[in-house]
Amino acid sequence: MRQAHLKDRVAWAGNIAARAAGGWADAYRPSGPFEPLAAGNRYLRLPALFTGVHGRMNRPLAYGEVLAHGLFDNAYTHPGDYIVQGDAIWFILSQEPLQPVLCARTSRIVSFSRPSAPPSTGGNAYGGVTASTTTPLATGWPACITGASGSGMPSADLPTDASVPYWSVMLPDIPSVTFLPSDLLSDDLGRSAVVAAAEKSQLGWRLMVKQAVN
């Protein structure tokens, strides 16, 4: 039996399972670096069901767990698409032929900007980063943010200083955007962070960021 026919049957099986046990969801395909969940990016309404990895359904996702298998008709979806089901927002990490669809549940909405270099040296009133000296890279992206091992200390090194946490951030490939160290992140809770390392793979972006403190 040809692989194309097998893929079609597997996709249809996902649709049957989602219709039986899942709920209706909306699929979005980002068209640029800004607002991927804009109404114009919605392209499909479909039933979807999310299970634990390896198809387990004996418990919900635990603290720190963000990966799940998505059951839906994946003949129409691509890696990087968002699936919105009620209050839950997922994005597709991997959709290999004849393999389960690997998805990640997002927890925050993030935006990114890049600091601009001062226009000249020696003649600037202020040489730091301000809102007027940053360039927006991407805005409004649902992302998975989890705590990461490791921490740093504020440069002031005062006795009352607390350690600065690091986060691991996963999000899809963003059209026309390549993240670099020192890019700035902000989220919907008003927190800020600085990209320390950026890894891009077939699963999308995985960033290590350091939370900014006043």
Foldseek 3Di string as FASTA:
>chain_A
DDLVVVLQVQLVVLQVVLVVPFAKKWKFAAPAQEARPPPVRTDDIGRKDWDAPVRDNPDDDDPPDFKTFMRHNCPPDDAQMWIGDPPWIKGFQDDDRPDTTIIGIFDWWKWWKAFAAPPDPPPDPDGDGDPVRIGTDHGGFGKHKDWDPDWAWDPVPDPPTDTWTKIKIFHAAGPPDDDDFQMKMAIPVGWIWTFHDWDQDSRHIITIITTDDD
